[in-house]
């Protein structure tokens, strides 16, 4: 079932990431980590559906998406970047994506942090975040989505990696075999991975080879 919903507000999160909040239909529920198919209620765009993950909590009075907008071509995300309050989006019912399986390691690349946001926010609200660790890789410091909030929630358990800047306070390693061996002490814990497809494919394979239970390596399929 599709829902046509008014935009309540928009805000910039980084130089190319925006946060969209929508009115919430009565009775609409989702599980942290779930996504919906989203289209713009604009002429020529209603059939151009794209999957985005909810970054709000199920208990919030609005629905929220945090979306990386590509401005170099006239696609869906460029259109989303131009939304203002009162515009409309068409969203599907929620569907399963990444679900929380227990205390473990979250590995995110770029906009791959978005499926983790509702999970981490929910755990933080419930006082169950302790023991989880986040490794979040980006090209530059300007690209880090929700850096302040993640640091406030996780403290030293939020590790930000910047791969294309050699100066500054961040490590600039790539999340590769050596990085995993250095930073993951227990491959039997759940490992959550989201980012560009090559990164997800490589890290899923590598972590399983290092002893992770294939059923405890959680990624979008």
N, C-alpha and C. Protein backbone atom coordinates (compact mmCIF):
# COMPACT_ATOMS: atom_id res chain seq x y z
N UNK A 1 0.84 -1.20 0.00
CA UNK A 1 0.00 0.00 0.00
C UNK A 1 0.87 1.24 0.00
N UNK A 2 0.55 2.20 -0.86
CA UNK A 2 1.31 3.45 -0.92
C UNK A 2 0.61 4.54 -0.11
N UNK A 3 1.43 5.47 0.41
CA UNK A 3 0.93 6.60 1.20
C UNK A 3 1.47 7.88 0.59
N UNK A 4 0.61 8.83 0.31
CA UNK A 4 1.03 10.15 -0.18
C UNK A 4 1.08 11.09 1.01
N UNK A 5 2.31 11.57 1.31
CA UNK A 5 2.54 12.28 2.56
C UNK A 5 3.15 13.64 2.32
N UNK A 6 2.73 14.62 3.10
CA UNK A 6 3.26 15.97 3.00
C UNK A 6 4.62 16.07 3.71
N UNK A 7 5.51 16.83 3.12
CA UNK A 7 6.79 17.16 3.74
C UNK A 7 6.54 18.18 4.84
N UNK A 8 7.03 17.88 6.05
CA UNK A 8 6.92 18.82 7.17
C UNK A 8 8.10 19.78 7.22
N UNK A 9 9.30 19.24 6.96
CA UNK A 9 10.50 20.08 7.03
C UNK A 9 11.63 19.41 6.28
N UNK A 10 12.61 20.21 5.87
CA UNK A 10 13.84 19.70 5.27
C UNK A 10 15.01 20.41 5.95
N UNK A 11 16.16 19.75 5.98
CA UNK A 11 17.34 20.35 6.59
C UNK A 11 18.58 19.71 5.99
N UNK A 12 19.66 20.49 5.89
CA UNK A 12 20.92 19.95 5.45
C UNK A 12 21.63 19.26 6.61
N UNK A 13 22.20 18.10 6.33
CA UNK A 13 22.97 17.36 7.34
C UNK A 13 24.46 17.50 7.04
N UNK A 14 24.83 17.33 5.77
CA UNK A 14 26.18 17.64 5.28
C UNK A 14 26.02 18.41 3.99
N UNK A 15 27.13 18.64 3.30
CA UNK A 15 27.09 19.42 2.05
C UNK A 15 26.26 18.73 0.96
N UNK A 16 26.06 17.40 1.05
CA UNK A 16 25.28 16.72 0.02
C UNK A 16 24.29 15.71 0.59
N UNK A 17 23.95 15.87 1.85
CA UNK A 17 22.98 14.98 2.50
C UNK A 17 21.88 15.83 3.13
N UNK A 18 20.63 15.46 2.89
CA UNK A 18 19.52 16.21 3.47
C UNK A 18 18.64 15.29 4.31
N UNK A 19 17.96 15.90 5.27
CA UNK A 19 17.00 15.20 6.13
C UNK A 19 15.61 15.67 5.77
N UNK A 20 14.73 14.71 5.47
CA UNK A 20 13.35 15.01 5.11
C UNK A 20 12.44 14.43 6.18
N UNK A 21 11.59 15.26 6.77
CA UNK A 21 10.59 14.78 7.71
C UNK A 21 9.20 14.92 7.10
N UNK A 22 8.40 13.86 7.26
CA UNK A 22 7.08 13.78 6.65
C UNK A 22 6.01 13.57 7.71
N UNK A 23 4.78 13.92 7.36
CA UNK A 23 3.68 13.56 8.24
C UNK A 23 3.61 12.03 8.32
N UNK A 24 3.12 11.53 9.45
CA UNK A 24 3.08 10.09 9.70
C UNK A 24 1.63 9.61 9.69
N UNK A 25 1.31 8.65 8.82
CA UNK A 25 -0.07 8.15 8.79
C UNK A 25 -0.44 7.46 10.10
N UNK A 26 -1.66 7.53 10.48
CA UNK A 26 -2.13 6.86 11.68
C UNK A 26 -1.93 5.35 11.55
N UNK A 27 -1.35 4.75 12.57
CA UNK A 27 -1.15 3.31 12.57
C UNK A 27 0.07 2.84 11.81
N UNK A 28 0.85 3.75 11.23
CA UNK A 28 2.04 3.36 10.46
C UNK A 28 3.15 2.96 11.43
N UNK A 29 3.69 1.76 11.27
CA UNK A 29 4.73 1.27 12.16
C UNK A 29 5.84 0.63 11.35
N UNK A 30 7.06 0.70 11.89
CA UNK A 30 8.20 0.05 11.25
C UNK A 30 9.18 -0.38 12.34
N UNK A 31 10.10 -1.24 11.97
CA UNK A 31 11.14 -1.71 12.87
C UNK A 31 12.44 -0.99 12.48
N UNK A 32 13.23 -0.51 13.47
CA UNK A 32 14.49 0.15 13.13
C UNK A 32 15.34 -0.70 12.18
N UNK A 33 15.80 -0.08 11.11
CA UNK A 33 16.54 -0.78 10.08
C UNK A 33 15.71 -1.03 8.83
N UNK A 34 14.37 -0.88 8.94
CA UNK A 34 13.53 -1.09 7.77
C UNK A 34 13.55 0.12 6.85
N UNK A 35 13.13 -0.12 5.60
CA UNK A 35 13.14 0.90 4.55
C UNK A 35 11.75 0.98 3.92
N UNK A 36 11.61 1.95 3.00
CA UNK A 36 10.40 2.06 2.19
C UNK A 36 10.81 2.50 0.79
N UNK A 37 9.97 2.17 -0.19
CA UNK A 37 10.18 2.68 -1.54
C UNK A 37 9.57 4.08 -1.60
N UNK A 38 10.34 5.03 -2.15
CA UNK A 38 9.95 6.44 -2.11
C UNK A 38 9.94 7.01 -3.52
N UNK A 39 8.89 7.77 -3.84
CA UNK A 39 8.81 8.50 -5.11
C UNK A 39 8.30 9.91 -4.83
N UNK A 40 8.59 10.82 -5.73
CA UNK A 40 8.09 12.18 -5.60
C UNK A 40 6.70 12.28 -6.22
N UNK A 41 5.81 13.00 -5.56
CA UNK A 41 4.48 13.24 -6.12
C UNK A 41 4.55 14.47 -7.02
N UNK A 42 5.32 14.31 -8.11
CA UNK A 42 5.50 15.35 -9.11
C UNK A 42 5.31 14.74 -10.48
N UNK A 43 4.83 15.50 -11.41
CA UNK A 43 4.60 15.01 -12.77
C UNK A 43 5.90 14.43 -13.34
N UNK A 44 5.82 13.19 -13.82
CA UNK A 44 6.97 12.53 -14.42
C UNK A 44 7.84 11.78 -13.44
N UNK A 45 7.53 11.86 -12.14
CA UNK A 45 8.40 11.24 -11.14
C UNK A 45 7.68 10.21 -10.27
N UNK A 46 6.39 10.05 -10.39
CA UNK A 46 5.64 9.21 -9.46
C UNK A 46 6.00 7.72 -9.57
N UNK A 47 6.52 7.30 -10.71
CA UNK A 47 6.90 5.89 -10.88
C UNK A 47 8.38 5.66 -10.63
N UNK A 48 9.12 6.71 -10.36
CA UNK A 48 10.57 6.58 -10.11
C UNK A 48 10.80 6.31 -8.63
N UNK A 49 10.64 5.07 -8.23
CA UNK A 49 10.73 4.71 -6.81
C UNK A 49 12.17 4.31 -6.46
N UNK A 50 12.60 4.75 -5.28
CA UNK A 50 13.92 4.41 -4.77
C UNK A 50 13.80 3.98 -3.31
N UNK A 51 14.61 3.01 -2.86
CA UNK A 51 14.53 2.58 -1.46
C UNK A 51 15.36 3.48 -0.55
N UNK A 52 14.76 3.91 0.55
CA UNK A 52 15.46 4.68 1.58
C UNK A 52 15.05 4.14 2.95
N UNK A 53 16.00 4.21 3.88
CA UNK A 53 15.77 3.68 5.22
C UNK A 53 15.26 4.78 6.16
N UNK A 54 14.33 4.43 7.02
CA UNK A 54 13.86 5.38 8.03
C UNK A 54 15.00 5.66 9.02
N UNK A 55 15.23 6.93 9.32
CA UNK A 55 16.24 7.28 10.32
C UNK A 55 15.61 7.80 11.60
N UNK A 56 14.30 7.91 11.64
CA UNK A 56 13.60 8.28 12.87
C UNK A 56 13.32 7.01 13.67
N UNK A 57 12.69 7.18 14.81
CA UNK A 57 12.23 6.05 15.61
C UNK A 57 10.75 5.80 15.35
N UNK A 58 10.33 4.57 15.57
CA UNK A 58 8.93 4.23 15.34
C UNK A 58 8.00 5.08 16.22
N UNK A 59 8.48 5.49 17.39
CA UNK A 59 7.66 6.27 18.30
C UNK A 59 7.60 7.75 17.99
N UNK A 60 8.39 8.22 17.03
CA UNK A 60 8.38 9.65 16.67
C UNK A 60 7.05 10.01 15.98
N UNK A 61 6.63 11.27 16.10
CA UNK A 61 5.35 11.67 15.51
C UNK A 61 5.46 12.00 14.02
N UNK A 62 6.62 11.76 13.42
CA UNK A 62 6.86 12.03 12.00
C UNK A 62 7.65 10.86 11.43
N UNK A 63 7.75 10.80 10.10
CA UNK A 63 8.66 9.88 9.42
C UNK A 63 9.86 10.68 8.92
N UNK A 64 11.02 10.06 8.94
CA UNK A 64 12.24 10.78 8.56
C UNK A 64 13.12 9.91 7.67
N UNK A 65 13.65 10.51 6.61
CA UNK A 65 14.67 9.90 5.78
C UNK A 65 15.88 10.82 5.74
N UNK A 66 17.06 10.24 5.70
CA UNK A 66 18.30 10.99 5.55
C UNK A 66 18.94 10.51 4.25
N UNK A 67 19.04 11.40 3.27
CA UNK A 67 19.29 10.99 1.89
C UNK A 67 20.48 11.74 1.30
N UNK A 68 21.40 10.99 0.72
CA UNK A 68 22.50 11.61 -0.03
C UNK A 68 21.98 12.03 -1.39
N UNK A 69 22.19 13.30 -1.74
CA UNK A 69 21.63 13.87 -2.97
C UNK A 69 22.74 14.08 -4.00
N UNK A 70 22.56 13.48 -5.15
CA UNK A 70 23.54 13.58 -6.24
C UNK A 70 23.08 14.67 -7.20
N UNK A 71 23.83 15.78 -7.21
CA UNK A 71 23.41 16.96 -7.95
C UNK A 71 23.98 17.02 -9.37
N UNK A 72 24.80 16.03 -9.74
CA UNK A 72 25.45 16.07 -11.05
C UNK A 72 24.56 15.57 -12.18
N UNK A 73 23.37 15.04 -11.85
CA UNK A 73 22.42 14.66 -12.89
C UNK A 73 21.01 14.79 -12.32
N UNK A 74 20.03 14.93 -13.22
CA UNK A 74 18.66 15.19 -12.77
C UNK A 74 17.96 13.87 -12.45
N UNK A 75 18.32 13.31 -11.30
CA UNK A 75 17.71 12.08 -10.83
C UNK A 75 16.82 12.31 -9.64
N UNK A 76 16.39 11.23 -9.02
CA UNK A 76 15.45 11.31 -7.90
C UNK A 76 16.03 12.11 -6.73
N UNK A 77 17.29 11.86 -6.39
CA UNK A 77 17.83 12.55 -5.21
C UNK A 77 18.03 14.04 -5.45
N UNK A 78 18.32 14.42 -6.70
CA UNK A 78 18.40 15.86 -6.99
C UNK A 78 17.03 16.52 -6.82
N UNK A 79 16.00 15.82 -7.24
CA UNK A 79 14.64 16.32 -7.04
C UNK A 79 14.31 16.40 -5.54
N UNK A 80 14.74 15.39 -4.79
CA UNK A 80 14.48 15.39 -3.34
C UNK A 80 15.16 16.57 -2.67
N UNK A 81 16.35 16.93 -3.16
CA UNK A 81 17.07 18.06 -2.58
C UNK A 81 16.31 19.38 -2.73
N UNK A 82 15.40 19.44 -3.68
CA UNK A 82 14.65 20.68 -3.91
C UNK A 82 13.31 20.72 -3.17
N UNK A 83 13.00 19.69 -2.41
CA UNK A 83 11.72 19.66 -1.70
C UNK A 83 11.64 20.76 -0.64
N UNK A 84 10.45 21.25 -0.43
CA UNK A 84 10.18 22.21 0.65
C UNK A 84 8.93 21.74 1.38
N UNK A 85 8.70 22.30 2.56
CA UNK A 85 7.51 21.96 3.34
C UNK A 85 6.26 22.16 2.49
N UNK A 86 5.37 21.17 2.52
CA UNK A 86 4.15 21.21 1.74
C UNK A 86 4.20 20.36 0.49
N UNK A 87 5.40 20.07 -0.02
CA UNK A 87 5.53 19.13 -1.12
C UNK A 87 5.14 17.74 -0.64
N UNK A 88 5.05 16.79 -1.57
CA UNK A 88 4.59 15.45 -1.20
C UNK A 88 5.51 14.36 -1.73
N UNK A 89 5.65 13.32 -0.92
CA UNK A 89 6.32 12.09 -1.33
C UNK A 89 5.32 10.94 -1.27
N UNK A 90 5.55 9.96 -2.11
CA UNK A 90 4.76 8.73 -2.08
C UNK A 90 5.65 7.64 -1.51
N UNK A 91 5.23 7.02 -0.40
CA UNK A 91 6.06 5.97 0.19
C UNK A 91 5.25 4.69 0.34
N UNK A 92 5.97 3.58 0.22
CA UNK A 92 5.34 2.27 0.38
C UNK A 92 5.26 1.92 1.86
N UNK A 93 4.59 0.81 2.15
CA UNK A 93 4.69 0.24 3.49
C UNK A 93 6.14 -0.19 3.73
N UNK A 94 6.57 -0.26 4.99
CA UNK A 94 7.96 -0.63 5.28
C UNK A 94 8.24 -2.08 4.91
N UNK A 95 9.48 -2.32 4.56
CA UNK A 95 9.92 -3.69 4.27
C UNK A 95 11.27 -3.94 4.93
N UNK A 96 11.57 -5.20 5.15
CA UNK A 96 12.75 -5.57 5.93
C UNK A 96 14.04 -5.27 5.22
N UNK A 97 15.00 -4.83 5.98
CA UNK A 97 16.35 -4.60 5.45
C UNK A 97 17.33 -5.14 6.48
N UNK A 98 17.92 -4.26 7.25
CA UNK A 98 18.87 -4.68 8.29
C UNK A 98 18.15 -4.69 9.64
N UNK A 99 18.33 -5.77 10.40
CA UNK A 99 17.70 -5.85 11.72
C UNK A 99 18.76 -6.13 12.78
N UNK A 100 18.51 -5.65 13.98
CA UNK A 100 19.45 -5.80 15.08
C UNK A 100 19.42 -7.22 15.62
N UNK A 101 20.60 -7.83 15.72
CA UNK A 101 20.71 -9.22 16.18
C UNK A 101 21.44 -9.34 17.52
N UNK A 102 21.83 -8.20 18.10
CA UNK A 102 22.55 -8.24 19.37
C UNK A 102 23.82 -7.41 19.32
N UNK A 103 24.45 -7.24 20.46
CA UNK A 103 25.64 -6.39 20.59
C UNK A 103 26.75 -6.85 19.65
N UNK A 104 27.31 -5.91 18.89
CA UNK A 104 28.35 -6.28 17.96
C UNK A 104 29.03 -5.08 17.33
N UNK A 105 29.44 -5.24 16.09
CA UNK A 105 30.21 -4.24 15.36
C UNK A 105 29.40 -3.73 14.17
N UNK A 106 29.31 -2.41 14.05
CA UNK A 106 28.66 -1.78 12.90
C UNK A 106 29.75 -1.20 12.00
N UNK A 107 29.73 -1.56 10.72
CA UNK A 107 30.70 -1.06 9.75
C UNK A 107 29.92 -0.35 8.66
N UNK A 108 30.15 0.96 8.51
CA UNK A 108 29.40 1.75 7.54
C UNK A 108 30.33 2.51 6.62
N UNK A 109 29.94 2.62 5.36
CA UNK A 109 30.67 3.45 4.40
C UNK A 109 29.75 4.51 3.84
N UNK A 110 30.06 5.78 4.06
CA UNK A 110 29.27 6.88 3.51
C UNK A 110 27.82 6.84 3.94
N UNK A 111 26.91 6.92 2.95
CA UNK A 111 25.48 6.92 3.26
C UNK A 111 25.02 5.58 3.81
N UNK A 112 25.91 4.59 3.86
CA UNK A 112 25.58 3.31 4.48
C UNK A 112 25.32 3.42 5.97
N UNK A 113 25.57 4.58 6.56
CA UNK A 113 25.24 4.76 7.98
C UNK A 113 23.73 4.84 8.19
N UNK A 114 22.97 5.21 7.16
CA UNK A 114 21.56 5.53 7.37
C UNK A 114 20.74 4.34 7.88
N UNK A 115 20.95 3.09 7.39
CA UNK A 115 20.17 2.00 7.98
C UNK A 115 20.48 1.74 9.45
N UNK A 116 21.64 2.22 9.90
CA UNK A 116 22.02 2.00 11.30
C UNK A 116 21.48 3.07 12.24
N UNK A 117 21.08 4.23 11.71
CA UNK A 117 20.74 5.35 12.58
C UNK A 117 19.55 5.03 13.50
N UNK A 118 18.47 4.49 12.93
CA UNK A 118 17.30 4.21 13.78
C UNK A 118 17.64 3.12 14.80
N UNK A 119 18.46 2.14 14.39
CA UNK A 119 18.85 1.08 15.32
C UNK A 119 19.64 1.67 16.48
N UNK A 120 20.66 2.47 16.18
CA UNK A 120 21.50 3.05 17.22
C UNK A 120 20.71 4.02 18.10
N UNK A 121 19.84 4.82 17.49
CA UNK A 121 19.02 5.74 18.26
C UNK A 121 18.08 5.00 19.20
N UNK A 122 17.49 3.90 18.72
CA UNK A 122 16.58 3.12 19.55
C UNK A 122 17.32 2.49 20.72
N UNK A 123 18.49 1.91 20.44
CA UNK A 123 19.28 1.30 21.51
C UNK A 123 19.70 2.35 22.54
N UNK A 124 20.07 3.54 22.06
CA UNK A 124 20.46 4.62 22.96
C UNK A 124 19.29 5.04 23.84
N UNK A 125 18.12 5.18 23.24
CA UNK A 125 16.93 5.57 24.00
C UNK A 125 16.60 4.54 25.08
N UNK A 126 16.84 3.27 24.78
CA UNK A 126 16.51 2.19 25.71
C UNK A 126 17.65 1.87 26.67
N UNK A 127 18.78 2.57 26.53
CA UNK A 127 19.93 2.30 27.40
C UNK A 127 20.63 0.99 27.09
N UNK A 128 20.55 0.53 25.83
CA UNK A 128 21.12 -0.76 25.46
C UNK A 128 22.25 -0.63 24.43
N UNK A 129 22.80 0.57 24.28
CA UNK A 129 23.80 0.79 23.24
C UNK A 129 25.19 0.33 23.66
N UNK A 130 25.46 0.31 24.94
CA UNK A 130 26.79 -0.03 25.44
C UNK A 130 27.24 -1.40 24.92
N UNK A 131 28.50 -1.47 24.52
CA UNK A 131 29.07 -2.72 24.01
C UNK A 131 29.09 -2.80 22.50
N UNK A 132 28.29 -1.96 21.83
CA UNK A 132 28.33 -1.89 20.38
C UNK A 132 29.44 -0.94 19.94
N UNK A 133 30.04 -1.22 18.81
CA UNK A 133 31.11 -0.36 18.29
C UNK A 133 30.83 -0.05 16.83
N UNK A 134 31.08 1.22 16.43
CA UNK A 134 30.85 1.67 15.06
C UNK A 134 32.16 2.06 14.41
N UNK A 135 32.38 1.54 13.20
CA UNK A 135 33.47 1.98 12.33
C UNK A 135 32.82 2.62 11.11
N UNK A 136 33.06 3.93 10.93
CA UNK A 136 32.34 4.70 9.91
C UNK A 136 33.36 5.37 8.99
N UNK A 137 33.42 4.88 7.75
CA UNK A 137 34.40 5.36 6.78
C UNK A 137 33.78 6.36 5.80
N UNK A 138 34.49 7.46 5.56
CA UNK A 138 34.08 8.47 4.59
C UNK A 138 35.30 8.96 3.83
N UNK A 139 35.06 9.64 2.72
CA UNK A 139 36.18 10.19 1.94
C UNK A 139 36.82 11.37 2.66
N UNK A 140 35.99 12.30 3.16
CA UNK A 140 36.51 13.49 3.83
C UNK A 140 35.72 13.73 5.12
N UNK A 141 36.24 14.59 5.96
CA UNK A 141 35.56 14.92 7.22
C UNK A 141 34.21 15.58 6.96
N UNK A 142 34.09 16.32 5.86
CA UNK A 142 32.83 16.99 5.53
C UNK A 142 31.72 16.01 5.19
N UNK A 143 32.10 14.79 4.87
CA UNK A 143 31.12 13.79 4.45
C UNK A 143 30.48 13.03 5.61
N UNK A 144 30.98 13.21 6.83
CA UNK A 144 30.53 12.39 7.95
C UNK A 144 29.11 12.80 8.37
N UNK A 145 28.18 11.88 8.22
CA UNK A 145 26.77 12.13 8.51
C UNK A 145 26.52 11.93 10.01
N UNK A 146 25.86 12.89 10.63
CA UNK A 146 25.48 12.82 12.05
C UNK A 146 26.68 12.54 12.97
N UNK A 147 27.82 13.11 12.65
CA UNK A 147 29.02 12.86 13.44
C UNK A 147 28.83 13.21 14.92
N UNK A 148 28.31 14.40 15.20
CA UNK A 148 28.16 14.84 16.58
C UNK A 148 27.23 13.94 17.36
N UNK A 149 26.12 13.55 16.75
CA UNK A 149 25.16 12.69 17.45
C UNK A 149 25.75 11.32 17.70
N UNK A 150 26.43 10.76 16.71
CA UNK A 150 27.03 9.44 16.88
C UNK A 150 28.09 9.45 17.98
N UNK A 151 28.88 10.52 18.00
CA UNK A 151 29.91 10.64 19.04
C UNK A 151 29.27 10.78 20.41
N UNK A 152 28.18 11.56 20.50
CA UNK A 152 27.49 11.74 21.78
C UNK A 152 26.89 10.42 22.28
N UNK A 153 26.38 9.61 21.37
CA UNK A 153 25.76 8.35 21.77
C UNK A 153 26.80 7.29 22.12
N UNK A 154 27.85 7.19 21.30
CA UNK A 154 28.77 6.07 21.40
C UNK A 154 30.11 6.40 22.06
N UNK A 155 30.46 7.68 22.14
CA UNK A 155 31.74 8.06 22.73
C UNK A 155 32.89 7.45 21.95
N UNK A 156 33.83 6.84 22.66
CA UNK A 156 35.01 6.24 22.01
C UNK A 156 34.66 5.03 21.17
N UNK A 157 33.44 4.54 21.28
CA UNK A 157 33.03 3.40 20.46
C UNK A 157 32.55 3.82 19.08
N UNK A 158 32.63 5.11 18.78
CA UNK A 158 32.41 5.60 17.41
C UNK A 158 33.77 5.94 16.82
N UNK A 159 34.20 5.17 15.83
CA UNK A 159 35.50 5.38 15.18
C UNK A 159 35.24 5.89 13.77
N UNK A 160 35.66 7.14 13.52
CA UNK A 160 35.48 7.76 12.20
C UNK A 160 36.77 7.64 11.41
N UNK A 161 36.66 7.15 10.17
CA UNK A 161 37.82 6.97 9.30
C UNK A 161 37.63 7.86 8.08
N UNK A 162 38.66 8.58 7.70
CA UNK A 162 38.63 9.45 6.52
C UNK A 162 39.72 8.99 5.57
N UNK A 163 39.35 8.60 4.37
CA UNK A 163 40.31 7.94 3.47
C UNK A 163 41.05 8.88 2.53
N UNK A 164 40.52 10.09 2.30
CA UNK A 164 41.15 10.97 1.31
C UNK A 164 41.74 12.24 1.92
N UNK A 165 41.85 12.28 3.23
CA UNK A 165 42.51 13.40 3.91
C UNK A 165 43.56 12.84 4.87
N UNK A 166 44.79 13.25 4.66
CA UNK A 166 45.87 12.71 5.50
C UNK A 166 46.11 13.54 6.75
N UNK A 167 45.59 14.78 6.77
CA UNK A 167 45.71 15.62 7.95
C UNK A 167 44.45 15.51 8.80
N UNK A 168 44.51 16.04 10.00
CA UNK A 168 43.33 16.04 10.87
C UNK A 168 43.36 14.91 11.87
N UNK A 169 42.33 14.84 12.70
CA UNK A 169 42.34 13.92 13.84
C UNK A 169 41.90 12.49 13.52
N UNK A 170 41.48 12.24 12.28
CA UNK A 170 40.89 10.94 11.97
C UNK A 170 41.92 9.97 11.40
N UNK A 171 41.81 8.68 11.74
CA UNK A 171 42.62 7.69 11.03
C UNK A 171 42.21 7.66 9.56
N UNK A 172 43.14 7.33 8.68
CA UNK A 172 42.83 7.33 7.25
C UNK A 172 43.05 5.97 6.61
N UNK A 173 43.02 4.91 7.43
CA UNK A 173 43.11 3.56 6.89
C UNK A 173 41.83 3.20 6.14
N UNK A 174 41.98 2.29 5.20
CA UNK A 174 40.79 1.66 4.62
C UNK A 174 40.37 0.51 5.53
N UNK A 175 39.07 0.23 5.56
CA UNK A 175 38.59 -0.90 6.36
C UNK A 175 38.85 -2.17 5.55
N UNK A 176 40.01 -2.76 5.78
CA UNK A 176 40.42 -3.95 5.05
C UNK A 176 40.77 -5.07 6.03
N UNK A 177 41.39 -6.12 5.54
CA UNK A 177 41.71 -7.28 6.40
C UNK A 177 42.53 -6.86 7.62
N UNK A 178 43.54 -6.04 7.37
CA UNK A 178 44.43 -5.64 8.47
C UNK A 178 43.66 -4.81 9.50
N UNK A 179 42.82 -3.91 9.02
CA UNK A 179 42.01 -3.08 9.92
C UNK A 179 41.11 -3.96 10.79
N UNK A 180 40.47 -4.94 10.17
CA UNK A 180 39.58 -5.82 10.92
C UNK A 180 40.34 -6.58 12.00
N UNK A 181 41.52 -7.10 11.63
CA UNK A 181 42.31 -7.85 12.60
C UNK A 181 42.73 -6.98 13.78
N UNK A 182 42.95 -5.68 13.52
CA UNK A 182 43.39 -4.76 14.56
C UNK A 182 42.24 -4.35 15.48
N UNK A 183 41.05 -4.17 14.92
CA UNK A 183 39.98 -3.52 15.66
C UNK A 183 38.84 -4.45 16.11
N UNK A 184 38.72 -5.60 15.51
CA UNK A 184 37.66 -6.52 15.93
C UNK A 184 38.27 -7.63 16.77
N UNK A 185 37.84 -7.72 18.00
CA UNK A 185 38.44 -8.68 18.94
C UNK A 185 37.64 -9.98 19.03
N UNK A 186 36.39 -9.95 18.54
CA UNK A 186 35.56 -11.15 18.65
C UNK A 186 34.68 -11.27 17.39
N UNK A 187 35.12 -12.10 16.45
CA UNK A 187 34.38 -12.26 15.20
C UNK A 187 33.11 -13.09 15.38
N UNK A 188 32.87 -13.58 16.58
CA UNK A 188 31.65 -14.33 16.84
C UNK A 188 30.47 -13.42 17.15
N UNK A 189 30.76 -12.14 17.45
CA UNK A 189 29.67 -11.18 17.68
C UNK A 189 29.02 -10.82 16.34
N UNK A 190 27.76 -10.37 16.37
CA UNK A 190 27.14 -9.90 15.12
C UNK A 190 27.95 -8.77 14.49
N UNK A 191 28.03 -8.81 13.17
CA UNK A 191 28.74 -7.77 12.41
C UNK A 191 27.76 -7.22 11.39
N UNK A 192 27.48 -5.91 11.48
CA UNK A 192 26.52 -5.24 10.61
C UNK A 192 27.30 -4.42 9.59
N UNK A 193 27.01 -4.60 8.30
CA UNK A 193 27.80 -3.96 7.26
C UNK A 193 26.86 -3.26 6.28
N UNK A 194 27.12 -2.00 5.97
CA UNK A 194 26.34 -1.30 4.96
C UNK A 194 27.20 -0.22 4.31
N UNK A 195 27.16 -0.15 3.00
CA UNK A 195 27.94 0.83 2.25
C UNK A 195 27.88 0.49 0.78
N UNK A 196 28.85 0.96 0.01
CA UNK A 196 28.89 0.61 -1.42
C UNK A 196 28.95 -0.91 -1.61
N UNK A 197 28.34 -1.39 -2.67
CA UNK A 197 28.24 -2.84 -2.89
C UNK A 197 29.59 -3.56 -2.83
N UNK A 198 30.65 -3.04 -3.47
CA UNK A 198 31.93 -3.76 -3.40
C UNK A 198 32.45 -3.89 -1.97
N UNK A 199 32.26 -2.86 -1.17
CA UNK A 199 32.68 -2.89 0.23
C UNK A 199 31.91 -3.94 1.00
N UNK A 200 30.60 -3.97 0.82
CA UNK A 200 29.76 -4.93 1.54
C UNK A 200 30.12 -6.36 1.15
N UNK A 201 30.27 -6.57 -0.15
CA UNK A 201 30.60 -7.92 -0.64
C UNK A 201 31.94 -8.38 -0.09
N UNK A 202 32.94 -7.51 -0.14
CA UNK A 202 34.29 -7.88 0.32
C UNK A 202 34.30 -8.15 1.83
N UNK A 203 33.75 -7.22 2.61
CA UNK A 203 33.82 -7.36 4.07
C UNK A 203 32.96 -8.52 4.56
N UNK A 204 31.84 -8.78 3.91
CA UNK A 204 31.02 -9.92 4.30
C UNK A 204 31.81 -11.21 4.13
N UNK A 205 32.48 -11.34 3.00
CA UNK A 205 33.28 -12.53 2.73
C UNK A 205 34.46 -12.65 3.69
N UNK A 206 35.16 -11.53 3.91
CA UNK A 206 36.35 -11.55 4.76
C UNK A 206 36.00 -11.89 6.20
N UNK A 207 34.94 -11.28 6.73
CA UNK A 207 34.59 -11.53 8.14
C UNK A 207 34.18 -12.98 8.35
N UNK A 208 33.51 -13.58 7.38
CA UNK A 208 33.14 -14.99 7.51
C UNK A 208 34.39 -15.87 7.49
N UNK A 209 35.34 -15.54 6.63
CA UNK A 209 36.59 -16.30 6.58
C UNK A 209 37.36 -16.18 7.90
N UNK A 210 37.17 -15.08 8.61
CA UNK A 210 37.87 -14.87 9.88
C UNK A 210 37.13 -15.47 11.07
N UNK A 211 36.04 -16.16 10.78
CA UNK A 211 35.36 -16.88 11.85
C UNK A 211 33.97 -16.40 12.19
N UNK A 212 33.49 -15.34 11.51
CA UNK A 212 32.14 -14.85 11.80
C UNK A 212 31.10 -15.88 11.36
N UNK A 213 30.04 -16.00 12.14
CA UNK A 213 28.92 -16.86 11.78
C UNK A 213 28.19 -16.20 10.60
N UNK A 214 28.03 -16.90 9.47
CA UNK A 214 27.36 -16.29 8.31
C UNK A 214 25.98 -15.74 8.65
N UNK A 215 25.30 -16.35 9.61
CA UNK A 215 23.98 -15.86 10.00
C UNK A 215 24.05 -14.60 10.87
N UNK A 216 25.24 -14.29 11.39
CA UNK A 216 25.41 -13.12 12.24
C UNK A 216 26.10 -11.97 11.52
N UNK A 217 26.36 -12.15 10.21
CA UNK A 217 26.86 -11.05 9.38
C UNK A 217 25.64 -10.46 8.68
N UNK A 218 25.25 -9.26 9.10
CA UNK A 218 23.97 -8.67 8.68
C UNK A 218 24.24 -7.56 7.68
N UNK A 219 23.64 -7.66 6.50
CA UNK A 219 23.79 -6.63 5.49
C UNK A 219 22.54 -6.61 4.62
N UNK A 220 22.37 -5.51 3.86
CA UNK A 220 21.21 -5.40 2.98
C UNK A 220 21.37 -6.36 1.82
N UNK A 221 20.32 -7.13 1.55
CA UNK A 221 20.34 -8.11 0.44
C UNK A 221 19.45 -7.61 -0.68
